[in-house]
Amino acid sequence: MSDTTEPELQEPSLDEQIAAYQREFRDLDPQVEQVVSALGRLNRRMNVAYGRQVAALGISNAEWEVLKTLVLSGAPYRLGPGELAKRLGLTPAAMTHRIDRMAGEGLVTRDRDENNRVRVIVELTDEGRTKWLEAMRMATRFEEDLLQDLSGAERGALGEILIRLLRRVEHAQPDAGGRLTDLG
């Protein structure tokens, strides 16, 4: 019996990628490409790591986003489904589906607003807050490990540089993220 699994494709190193790009597009600035490509790869790998962490807690990245949004809203961690959808850049139908699933898992409740019976309120449960806190603990350990080789001054400088880049992108592409209030 032969092994029919395909070999895993290796991503080229950044140097190989930049060399290939320069071969095909001579106007490429290799320093710019190195920064942008490294940021892209770092973002993808961090998203995979975070996804694995929340999966270990029995929640999805999508559910994590809702928990985070409710916590960011402040105590008592309540928002209407429309506001949640807007903050997460989702359609109302997608938000309803997500809330249904999370309510079934005990992460949020969905009740009528006592002051306006037409309005629905989504609220973080104790179980949802516990999952959020554990995810934050895991993320904090991962992030501290990620940045362990940088001094405090280097971390500060890197943070300032990345925020400048982010603001430039947000200014040039204000609709690109759907959630421009993240950084305040």
N, C-alpha and C. Protein backbone atom coordinates (compact mmCIF):
# COMPACT_ATOMS: atom_id res chain seq x y z
N MET A 1 0.85 -1.17 0.00
CA MET A 1 0.00 0.00 0.00
C MET A 1 0.89 1.24 0.00
N SER A 2 0.64 2.16 -0.90
CA SER A 2 1.49 3.35 -0.99
C SER A 2 0.89 4.49 -0.17
N ASP A 3 1.77 5.36 0.26
CA ASP A 3 1.36 6.54 1.02
C ASP A 3 0.87 7.59 0.03
N THR A 4 -0.41 7.94 0.14
CA THR A 4 -0.99 8.88 -0.81
C THR A 4 -1.07 10.30 -0.26
N THR A 5 -0.54 10.52 0.94
CA THR A 5 -0.59 11.87 1.48
C THR A 5 0.43 12.74 0.74
N GLU A 6 0.02 13.97 0.49
CA GLU A 6 0.90 14.90 -0.21
C GLU A 6 1.87 15.51 0.80
N PRO A 7 3.10 15.77 0.35
CA PRO A 7 4.05 16.42 1.26
C PRO A 7 3.57 17.85 1.57
N GLU A 8 3.85 18.28 2.79
CA GLU A 8 3.46 19.62 3.20
C GLU A 8 4.32 20.64 2.45
N LEU A 9 3.67 21.63 1.88
CA LEU A 9 4.39 22.67 1.17
C LEU A 9 5.05 23.61 2.16
N GLN A 10 6.30 23.91 1.92
CA GLN A 10 7.03 24.81 2.78
C GLN A 10 6.89 26.23 2.25
N GLU A 11 6.60 27.14 3.14
CA GLU A 11 6.57 28.55 2.78
C GLU A 11 8.01 29.00 2.56
N PRO A 12 8.27 29.76 1.52
CA PRO A 12 9.64 30.23 1.32
C PRO A 12 10.06 31.15 2.46
N SER A 13 11.35 31.20 2.72
CA SER A 13 11.84 32.14 3.74
C SER A 13 11.56 33.56 3.25
N LEU A 14 11.62 34.51 4.15
CA LEU A 14 11.41 35.90 3.75
C LEU A 14 12.43 36.32 2.69
N ASP A 15 13.68 35.91 2.87
CA ASP A 15 14.72 36.25 1.90
C ASP A 15 14.39 35.66 0.53
N GLU A 16 13.93 34.40 0.50
CA GLU A 16 13.56 33.77 -0.78
C GLU A 16 12.37 34.48 -1.41
N GLN A 17 11.40 34.83 -0.60
CA GLN A 17 10.22 35.54 -1.10
C GLN A 17 10.61 36.88 -1.71
N ILE A 18 11.42 37.64 -0.98
CA ILE A 18 11.82 38.97 -1.45
C ILE A 18 12.65 38.85 -2.73
N ALA A 19 13.55 37.87 -2.79
CA ALA A 19 14.36 37.66 -4.00
C ALA A 19 13.46 37.34 -5.19
N ALA A 20 12.45 36.50 -4.98
CA ALA A 20 11.53 36.15 -6.07
C ALA A 20 10.74 37.38 -6.52
N TYR A 21 10.27 38.16 -5.56
CA TYR A 21 9.53 39.38 -5.90
C TYR A 21 10.41 40.34 -6.69
N GLN A 22 11.66 40.51 -6.24
CA GLN A 22 12.57 41.43 -6.93
C GLN A 22 12.87 40.96 -8.35
N ARG A 23 12.94 39.68 -8.53
CA ARG A 23 13.18 39.11 -9.85
C ARG A 23 12.04 39.47 -10.80
N GLU A 24 10.82 39.47 -10.28
CA GLU A 24 9.63 39.70 -11.09
C GLU A 24 9.19 41.17 -11.12
N PHE A 25 9.59 41.93 -10.10
CA PHE A 25 9.16 43.33 -9.98
C PHE A 25 10.33 44.14 -9.48
N ARG A 26 11.07 44.72 -10.39
CA ARG A 26 12.34 45.38 -10.06
C ARG A 26 12.19 46.64 -9.20
N ASP A 27 11.00 47.23 -9.17
CA ASP A 27 10.80 48.46 -8.39
C ASP A 27 10.58 48.19 -6.90
N LEU A 28 10.61 46.95 -6.50
CA LEU A 28 10.36 46.57 -5.11
C LEU A 28 11.45 47.09 -4.18
N ASP A 29 11.05 47.69 -3.07
CA ASP A 29 11.99 48.09 -2.03
C ASP A 29 12.10 46.91 -1.06
N PRO A 30 13.25 46.24 -1.01
CA PRO A 30 13.36 45.03 -0.17
C PRO A 30 13.16 45.30 1.31
N GLN A 31 13.52 46.48 1.80
CA GLN A 31 13.31 46.78 3.22
C GLN A 31 11.82 46.89 3.53
N VAL A 32 11.08 47.56 2.66
CA VAL A 32 9.64 47.69 2.86
C VAL A 32 9.00 46.30 2.81
N GLU A 33 9.37 45.52 1.80
CA GLU A 33 8.79 44.18 1.66
C GLU A 33 9.11 43.29 2.85
N GLN A 34 10.32 43.41 3.39
CA GLN A 34 10.70 42.62 4.56
C GLN A 34 9.79 42.95 5.74
N VAL A 35 9.56 44.23 5.99
CA VAL A 35 8.72 44.64 7.12
C VAL A 35 7.28 44.15 6.91
N VAL A 36 6.74 44.43 5.73
CA VAL A 36 5.34 44.09 5.47
C VAL A 36 5.12 42.58 5.48
N SER A 37 6.03 41.84 4.86
CA SER A 37 5.88 40.38 4.83
C SER A 37 6.04 39.78 6.22
N ALA A 38 6.98 40.29 6.99
CA ALA A 38 7.17 39.78 8.36
C ALA A 38 5.94 40.06 9.20
N LEU A 39 5.36 41.26 9.07
CA LEU A 39 4.15 41.58 9.82
C LEU A 39 3.00 40.65 9.42
N GLY A 40 2.86 40.39 8.13
CA GLY A 40 1.80 39.50 7.66
C GLY A 40 1.96 38.09 8.20
N ARG A 41 3.18 37.58 8.14
CA ARG A 41 3.42 36.23 8.64
C ARG A 41 3.23 36.16 10.15
N LEU A 42 3.70 37.17 10.86
CA LEU A 42 3.53 37.21 12.31
C LEU A 42 2.05 37.22 12.66
N ASN A 43 1.28 38.04 11.97
CA ASN A 43 -0.16 38.11 12.22
C ASN A 43 -0.83 36.76 11.99
N ARG A 44 -0.51 36.10 10.89
CA ARG A 44 -1.12 34.79 10.61
C ARG A 44 -0.77 33.78 11.69
N ARG A 45 0.48 33.72 12.07
CA ARG A 45 0.91 32.75 13.07
C ARG A 45 0.32 33.04 14.45
N MET A 46 0.23 34.32 14.79
CA MET A 46 -0.38 34.68 16.07
C MET A 46 -1.86 34.31 16.07
N ASN A 47 -2.56 34.53 14.96
CA ASN A 47 -3.97 34.16 14.88
C ASN A 47 -4.16 32.66 15.04
N VAL A 48 -3.26 31.87 14.48
CA VAL A 48 -3.33 30.42 14.65
C VAL A 48 -3.13 30.06 16.13
N ALA A 49 -2.13 30.68 16.76
CA ALA A 49 -1.85 30.40 18.17
C ALA A 49 -3.05 30.78 19.05
N TYR A 50 -3.61 31.96 18.82
CA TYR A 50 -4.78 32.38 19.60
C TYR A 50 -5.96 31.44 19.35
N GLY A 51 -6.14 31.04 18.10
CA GLY A 51 -7.23 30.11 17.77
C GLY A 51 -7.09 28.80 18.51
N ARG A 52 -5.87 28.30 18.61
CA ARG A 52 -5.63 27.05 19.34
C ARG A 52 -5.92 27.23 20.82
N GLN A 53 -5.56 28.39 21.36
CA GLN A 53 -5.80 28.64 22.78
C GLN A 53 -7.29 28.67 23.10
N VAL A 54 -8.05 29.42 22.32
CA VAL A 54 -9.48 29.48 22.63
C VAL A 54 -10.17 28.15 22.34
N ALA A 55 -9.68 27.42 21.34
CA ALA A 55 -10.24 26.09 21.05
C ALA A 55 -10.03 25.16 22.24
N ALA A 56 -8.88 25.29 22.91
CA ALA A 56 -8.62 24.48 24.09
C ALA A 56 -9.61 24.79 25.21
N LEU A 57 -10.20 25.98 25.17
CA LEU A 57 -11.21 26.37 26.16
C LEU A 57 -12.62 26.00 25.71
N GLY A 58 -12.74 25.44 24.50
CA GLY A 58 -14.04 25.03 24.00
C GLY A 58 -14.83 26.15 23.34
N ILE A 59 -14.14 27.22 22.93
CA ILE A 59 -14.81 28.30 22.23
C ILE A 59 -14.08 28.58 20.91
N SER A 60 -14.77 29.24 20.00
CA SER A 60 -14.19 29.57 18.71
C SER A 60 -13.65 31.00 18.73
N ASN A 61 -12.86 31.34 17.72
CA ASN A 61 -12.40 32.73 17.57
C ASN A 61 -13.59 33.68 17.48
N ALA A 62 -14.62 33.27 16.76
CA ALA A 62 -15.81 34.10 16.60
C ALA A 62 -16.48 34.36 17.96
N GLU A 63 -16.55 33.33 18.79
CA GLU A 63 -17.14 33.50 20.12
C GLU A 63 -16.24 34.37 21.00
N TRP A 64 -14.93 34.20 20.86
CA TRP A 64 -13.98 35.02 21.60
C TRP A 64 -14.20 36.50 21.27
N GLU A 65 -14.42 36.80 19.99
CA GLU A 65 -14.64 38.19 19.58
C GLU A 65 -15.87 38.78 20.26
N VAL A 66 -16.93 38.01 20.39
CA VAL A 66 -18.14 38.50 21.07
C VAL A 66 -17.86 38.71 22.55
N LEU A 67 -17.20 37.74 23.20
CA LEU A 67 -16.88 37.89 24.62
C LEU A 67 -16.04 39.15 24.84
N LYS A 68 -15.03 39.33 24.01
CA LYS A 68 -14.14 40.50 24.13
C LYS A 68 -14.93 41.79 23.95
N THR A 69 -15.82 41.82 22.97
CA THR A 69 -16.60 43.03 22.71
C THR A 69 -17.51 43.36 23.88
N LEU A 70 -18.11 42.35 24.48
CA LEU A 70 -18.96 42.59 25.66
C LEU A 70 -18.13 43.11 26.83
N VAL A 71 -16.95 42.54 27.06
CA VAL A 71 -16.09 43.01 28.14
C VAL A 71 -15.65 44.45 27.88
N LEU A 72 -15.29 44.75 26.64
CA LEU A 72 -14.86 46.11 26.30
C LEU A 72 -15.98 47.13 26.46
N SER A 73 -17.22 46.69 26.43
CA SER A 73 -18.35 47.61 26.60
C SER A 73 -18.45 48.08 28.05
N GLY A 74 -17.80 47.37 28.98
CA GLY A 74 -17.83 47.73 30.39
C GLY A 74 -18.99 47.09 31.11
N ALA A 75 -18.85 47.04 32.44
CA ALA A 75 -19.91 46.46 33.27
C ALA A 75 -21.19 47.23 33.02
N PRO A 76 -22.29 46.55 32.91
CA PRO A 76 -22.59 45.15 33.18
C PRO A 76 -22.39 44.22 31.98
N TYR A 77 -21.58 44.60 31.01
CA TYR A 77 -21.23 43.74 29.85
C TYR A 77 -22.46 43.35 29.06
N ARG A 78 -23.18 44.39 28.62
CA ARG A 78 -24.43 44.19 27.89
C ARG A 78 -24.45 45.09 26.67
N LEU A 79 -24.90 44.53 25.54
CA LEU A 79 -25.10 45.30 24.31
C LEU A 79 -26.27 44.71 23.55
N GLY A 80 -26.87 45.51 22.70
CA GLY A 80 -27.89 45.00 21.80
C GLY A 80 -27.22 44.24 20.67
N PRO A 81 -27.93 43.30 20.05
CA PRO A 81 -27.36 42.54 18.94
C PRO A 81 -26.91 43.42 17.78
N GLY A 82 -27.65 44.49 17.51
CA GLY A 82 -27.27 45.40 16.43
C GLY A 82 -25.95 46.09 16.71
N GLU A 83 -25.77 46.52 17.94
CA GLU A 83 -24.51 47.18 18.32
C GLU A 83 -23.35 46.18 18.28
N LEU A 84 -23.58 44.96 18.74
CA LEU A 84 -22.56 43.92 18.65
C LEU A 84 -22.17 43.68 17.19
N ALA A 85 -23.17 43.54 16.33
CA ALA A 85 -22.91 43.30 14.91
C ALA A 85 -22.10 44.43 14.31
N LYS A 86 -22.46 45.66 14.64
CA LYS A 86 -21.75 46.83 14.12
C LYS A 86 -20.29 46.83 14.58
N ARG A 87 -20.07 46.58 15.86
CA ARG A 87 -18.70 46.60 16.40
C ARG A 87 -17.84 45.48 15.83
N LEU A 88 -18.47 44.37 15.47
CA LEU A 88 -17.73 43.23 14.94
C LEU A 88 -17.71 43.19 13.42
N GLY A 89 -18.38 44.13 12.78
CA GLY A 89 -18.41 44.17 11.32
C GLY A 89 -19.17 43.00 10.72
N LEU A 90 -20.26 42.58 11.39
CA LEU A 90 -21.05 41.44 10.93
C LEU A 90 -22.43 41.89 10.48
N THR A 91 -23.07 41.05 9.70
CA THR A 91 -24.46 41.29 9.34
C THR A 91 -25.33 40.92 10.55
N PRO A 92 -26.52 41.49 10.64
CA PRO A 92 -27.42 41.11 11.74
C PRO A 92 -27.71 39.61 11.76
N ALA A 93 -27.87 38.99 10.58
CA ALA A 93 -28.15 37.54 10.53
C ALA A 93 -26.99 36.74 11.10
N ALA A 94 -25.76 37.12 10.73
CA ALA A 94 -24.58 36.41 11.25
C ALA A 94 -24.47 36.59 12.76
N MET A 95 -24.80 37.78 13.24
CA MET A 95 -24.74 38.04 14.68
C MET A 95 -25.78 37.22 15.41
N THR A 96 -26.98 37.14 14.86
CA THR A 96 -28.05 36.34 15.48
C THR A 96 -27.63 34.88 15.61
N HIS A 97 -27.05 34.34 14.54
CA HIS A 97 -26.58 32.95 14.56
C HIS A 97 -25.52 32.76 15.66
N ARG A 98 -24.59 33.69 15.74
CA ARG A 98 -23.52 33.60 16.75
C ARG A 98 -24.10 33.68 18.15
N ILE A 99 -25.02 34.60 18.38
CA ILE A 99 -25.63 34.76 19.70
C ILE A 99 -26.42 33.51 20.07
N ASP A 100 -27.16 32.95 19.13
CA ASP A 100 -27.91 31.71 19.38
C ASP A 100 -26.98 30.61 19.89
N ARG A 101 -25.88 30.44 19.19
CA ARG A 101 -24.92 29.38 19.55
C ARG A 101 -24.34 29.65 20.94
N MET A 102 -23.96 30.90 21.19
CA MET A 102 -23.32 31.24 22.47
C MET A 102 -24.31 31.16 23.63
N ALA A 103 -25.55 31.52 23.39
CA ALA A 103 -26.57 31.41 24.45
C ALA A 103 -26.78 29.93 24.78
N GLY A 104 -26.78 29.09 23.76
CA GLY A 104 -26.92 27.65 23.97
C GLY A 104 -25.76 27.06 24.76
N GLU A 105 -24.60 27.67 24.65
CA GLU A 105 -23.41 27.21 25.38
C GLU A 105 -23.29 27.86 26.75
N GLY A 106 -24.20 28.76 27.09
CA GLY A 106 -24.18 29.41 28.40
C GLY A 106 -23.17 30.54 28.52
N LEU A 107 -22.66 31.05 27.39
CA LEU A 107 -21.67 32.12 27.42
C LEU A 107 -22.30 33.51 27.51
N VAL A 108 -23.51 33.62 26.98
CA VAL A 108 -24.26 34.88 27.02
C VAL A 108 -25.73 34.56 27.27
N THR A 109 -26.46 35.58 27.71
CA THR A 109 -27.91 35.48 27.77
C THR A 109 -28.48 36.50 26.79
N ARG A 110 -29.69 36.24 26.37
CA ARG A 110 -30.39 37.17 25.47
C ARG A 110 -31.77 37.36 26.07
N ASP A 111 -32.04 38.60 26.50
CA ASP A 111 -33.32 38.90 27.14
C ASP A 111 -33.88 40.20 26.58
N ARG A 112 -35.17 40.37 26.77
CA ARG A 112 -35.83 41.63 26.38
C ARG A 112 -35.40 42.73 27.34
N ASP A 113 -35.20 43.92 26.81
CA ASP A 113 -34.89 45.11 27.60
C ASP A 113 -36.12 45.45 28.43
N GLU A 114 -35.96 45.56 29.74
CA GLU A 114 -37.10 45.85 30.62
C GLU A 114 -37.71 47.21 30.32
N ASN A 115 -36.91 48.15 29.81
CA ASN A 115 -37.40 49.49 29.52
C ASN A 115 -38.00 49.62 28.12
N ASN A 116 -37.69 48.68 27.24
CA ASN A 116 -38.17 48.70 25.87
C ASN A 116 -38.33 47.26 25.42
N ARG A 117 -39.51 46.71 25.55
CA ARG A 117 -39.75 45.27 25.33
C ARG A 117 -39.46 44.83 23.90
N VAL A 118 -39.32 45.76 22.96
CA VAL A 118 -38.99 45.42 21.59
C VAL A 118 -37.49 45.13 21.46
N ARG A 119 -36.71 45.80 22.29
CA ARG A 119 -35.26 45.70 22.22
C ARG A 119 -34.75 44.47 22.97
N VAL A 120 -33.75 43.81 22.36
CA VAL A 120 -33.10 42.64 22.97
C VAL A 120 -31.74 43.07 23.50
N ILE A 121 -31.35 42.50 24.62
CA ILE A 121 -30.05 42.77 25.22
C ILE A 121 -29.28 41.46 25.34
N VAL A 122 -28.03 41.47 24.92
CA VAL A 122 -27.13 40.33 25.06
C VAL A 122 -26.20 40.66 26.22
N GLU A 123 -26.10 39.73 27.16
CA GLU A 123 -25.28 39.97 28.35
C GLU A 123 -24.33 38.81 28.58
N LEU A 124 -23.12 39.13 28.98
CA LEU A 124 -22.10 38.14 29.32
C LEU A 124 -22.51 37.40 30.59
N THR A 125 -22.41 36.07 30.57
CA THR A 125 -22.71 35.28 31.77
C THR A 125 -21.42 35.09 32.58
N ASP A 126 -21.56 34.54 33.77
CA ASP A 126 -20.38 34.21 34.58
C ASP A 126 -19.49 33.22 33.83
N GLU A 127 -20.11 32.24 33.15
CA GLU A 127 -19.35 31.26 32.37
C GLU A 127 -18.59 31.95 31.23
N GLY A 128 -19.25 32.89 30.55
CA GLY A 128 -18.60 33.63 29.47
C GLY A 128 -17.44 34.45 29.99
N ARG A 129 -17.63 35.09 31.13
CA ARG A 129 -16.54 35.90 31.72
C ARG A 129 -15.38 35.00 32.16
N THR A 130 -15.68 33.83 32.69
CA THR A 130 -14.63 32.89 33.08
C THR A 130 -13.82 32.46 31.86
N LYS A 131 -14.50 32.16 30.76
CA LYS A 131 -13.80 31.78 29.52
C LYS A 131 -12.94 32.93 29.01
N TRP A 132 -13.48 34.15 29.07
CA TRP A 132 -12.73 35.32 28.64
C TRP A 132 -11.47 35.50 29.48
N LEU A 133 -11.61 35.39 30.80
CA LEU A 133 -10.45 35.55 31.69
C LEU A 133 -9.38 34.49 31.43
N GLU A 134 -9.79 33.26 31.24
CA GLU A 134 -8.82 32.19 30.98
C GLU A 134 -8.12 32.41 29.64
N ALA A 135 -8.88 32.83 28.63
CA ALA A 135 -8.26 33.14 27.33
C ALA A 135 -7.26 34.28 27.48
N MET A 136 -7.58 35.27 28.28
CA MET A 136 -6.66 36.39 28.51
C MET A 136 -5.39 35.92 29.21
N ARG A 137 -5.54 35.02 30.19
CA ARG A 137 -4.35 34.48 30.88
C ARG A 137 -3.45 33.74 29.89
N MET A 138 -4.06 32.92 29.04
CA MET A 138 -3.28 32.17 28.05
C MET A 138 -2.61 33.11 27.06
N ALA A 139 -3.33 34.10 26.59
CA ALA A 139 -2.79 35.06 25.62
C ALA A 139 -1.65 35.86 26.24
N THR A 140 -1.80 36.24 27.49
CA THR A 140 -0.76 37.01 28.17
C THR A 140 0.53 36.22 28.27
N ARG A 141 0.42 34.94 28.61
CA ARG A 141 1.64 34.10 28.68
C ARG A 141 2.29 33.99 27.30
N PHE A 142 1.48 33.76 26.27
CA PHE A 142 1.98 33.65 24.90
C PHE A 142 2.67 34.94 24.47
N GLU A 143 2.03 36.08 24.73
CA GLU A 143 2.57 37.37 24.32
C GLU A 143 3.84 37.74 25.07
N GLU A 144 3.88 37.42 26.36
CA GLU A 144 5.10 37.68 27.12
C GLU A 144 6.25 36.84 26.61
N ASP A 145 5.96 35.58 26.26
CA ASP A 145 6.98 34.71 25.68
C ASP A 145 7.43 35.24 24.32
N LEU A 146 6.48 35.70 23.52
CA LEU A 146 6.78 36.23 22.20
C LEU A 146 7.75 37.41 22.28
N LEU A 147 7.56 38.28 23.25
CA LEU A 147 8.35 39.51 23.36
C LEU A 147 9.50 39.41 24.37
N GLN A 148 9.79 38.22 24.84
CA GLN A 148 10.78 38.07 25.91
C GLN A 148 12.18 38.59 25.57
N ASP A 149 12.54 38.58 24.29
CA ASP A 149 13.88 39.01 23.92
C ASP A 149 14.00 40.53 23.71
N LEU A 150 12.90 41.24 23.86
CA LEU A 150 12.92 42.69 23.70
C LEU A 150 12.96 43.38 25.06
N SER A 151 13.77 44.41 25.16
CA SER A 151 13.82 45.19 26.39
C SER A 151 12.53 46.01 26.50
N GLY A 152 12.32 46.59 27.66
CA GLY A 152 11.15 47.45 27.83
C GLY A 152 11.16 48.61 26.84
N ALA A 153 12.32 49.19 26.63
CA ALA A 153 12.43 50.30 25.67
C ALA A 153 12.13 49.83 24.25
N GLU A 154 12.60 48.65 23.89
CA GLU A 154 12.34 48.11 22.55
C GLU A 154 10.85 47.81 22.37
N ARG A 155 10.22 47.27 23.42
CA ARG A 155 8.79 46.99 23.35
C ARG A 155 8.01 48.30 23.15
N GLY A 156 8.40 49.31 23.91
CA GLY A 156 7.74 50.61 23.79
C GLY A 156 7.90 51.19 22.40
N ALA A 157 9.12 51.15 21.88
CA ALA A 157 9.39 51.69 20.54
C ALA A 157 8.63 50.90 19.48
N LEU A 158 8.63 49.57 19.58
CA LEU A 158 7.92 48.75 18.61
C LEU A 158 6.42 49.05 18.65
N GLY A 159 5.88 49.16 19.84
CA GLY A 159 4.46 49.48 19.98
C GLY A 159 4.12 50.81 19.33
N GLU A 160 4.94 51.82 19.57
CA GLU A 160 4.69 53.14 18.98
C GLU A 160 4.78 53.09 17.46
N ILE A 161 5.75 52.38 16.93
CA ILE A 161 5.92 52.26 15.48
C ILE A 161 4.72 51.54 14.86
N LEU A 162 4.30 50.45 15.46
CA LEU A 162 3.17 49.69 14.92
C LEU A 162 1.88 50.51 14.96
N ILE A 163 1.68 51.28 16.00
CA ILE A 163 0.48 52.12 16.09
C ILE A 163 0.53 53.21 15.02
N ARG A 164 1.70 53.77 14.76
CA ARG A 164 1.82 54.76 13.67
C ARG A 164 1.44 54.13 12.33
N LEU A 165 1.94 52.92 12.08
CA LEU A 165 1.59 52.23 10.83
C LEU A 165 0.10 51.95 10.76
N LEU A 166 -0.47 51.49 11.86
CA LEU A 166 -1.89 51.19 11.90
C LEU A 166 -2.73 52.44 11.63
N ARG A 167 -2.36 53.54 12.23
CA ARG A 167 -3.10 54.79 12.01
C ARG A 167 -3.01 55.24 10.56
N ARG A 168 -1.86 55.03 9.92
CA ARG A 168 -1.71 55.40 8.51
C ARG A 168 -2.65 54.55 7.65
N VAL A 169 -2.72 53.25 7.94
CA VAL A 169 -3.63 52.38 7.19
C VAL A 169 -5.08 52.78 7.45
N GLU A 170 -5.42 53.04 8.70
CA GLU A 170 -6.79 53.43 9.02
C GLU A 170 -7.17 54.74 8.34
N HIS A 171 -6.24 55.67 8.25
CA HIS A 171 -6.51 56.94 7.58
C HIS A 171 -6.72 56.72 6.08
N ALA A 172 -5.88 55.89 5.49
CA ALA A 172 -5.95 55.65 4.05
C ALA A 172 -7.11 54.73 3.67
N GLN A 173 -7.47 53.81 4.57
CA GLN A 173 -8.51 52.81 4.31
C GLN A 173 -9.48 52.76 5.50
N PRO A 174 -10.26 53.80 5.72
CA PRO A 174 -11.08 53.85 6.93
C PRO A 174 -12.11 52.73 7.06
N ASP A 175 -12.47 52.09 5.96
CA ASP A 175 -13.45 51.02 6.03
C ASP A 175 -12.82 49.63 6.02
N ALA A 176 -11.51 49.55 6.05
CA ALA A 176 -10.82 48.26 5.87
C ALA A 176 -11.03 47.30 7.02
N GLY A 177 -11.14 47.79 8.24
CA GLY A 177 -11.25 46.89 9.37
C GLY A 177 -12.66 46.70 9.87
N GLY A 178 -13.52 47.63 9.58
CA GLY A 178 -14.88 47.53 10.08
C GLY A 178 -15.00 47.88 11.54
N ARG A 179 -13.87 48.01 12.23
CA ARG A 179 -13.89 48.30 13.66
C ARG A 179 -12.80 49.32 13.97
N LEU A 180 -13.05 50.55 13.67
CA LEU A 180 -12.03 51.57 13.81
C LEU A 180 -11.91 52.11 15.23
N THR A 181 -12.78 51.71 16.12
CA THR A 181 -12.75 52.22 17.48
C THR A 181 -11.85 51.38 18.39
N ASP A 182 -11.19 50.36 17.84
CA ASP A 182 -10.37 49.46 18.66
C ASP A 182 -9.27 50.18 19.42
N LEU A 183 -8.62 51.16 18.80
CA LEU A 183 -7.46 51.81 19.43
C LEU A 183 -7.80 53.12 20.11
N GLY A 184 -8.97 53.64 19.84
CA GLY A 184 -9.38 54.90 20.47
C GLY A 184 -8.61 56.10 20.05
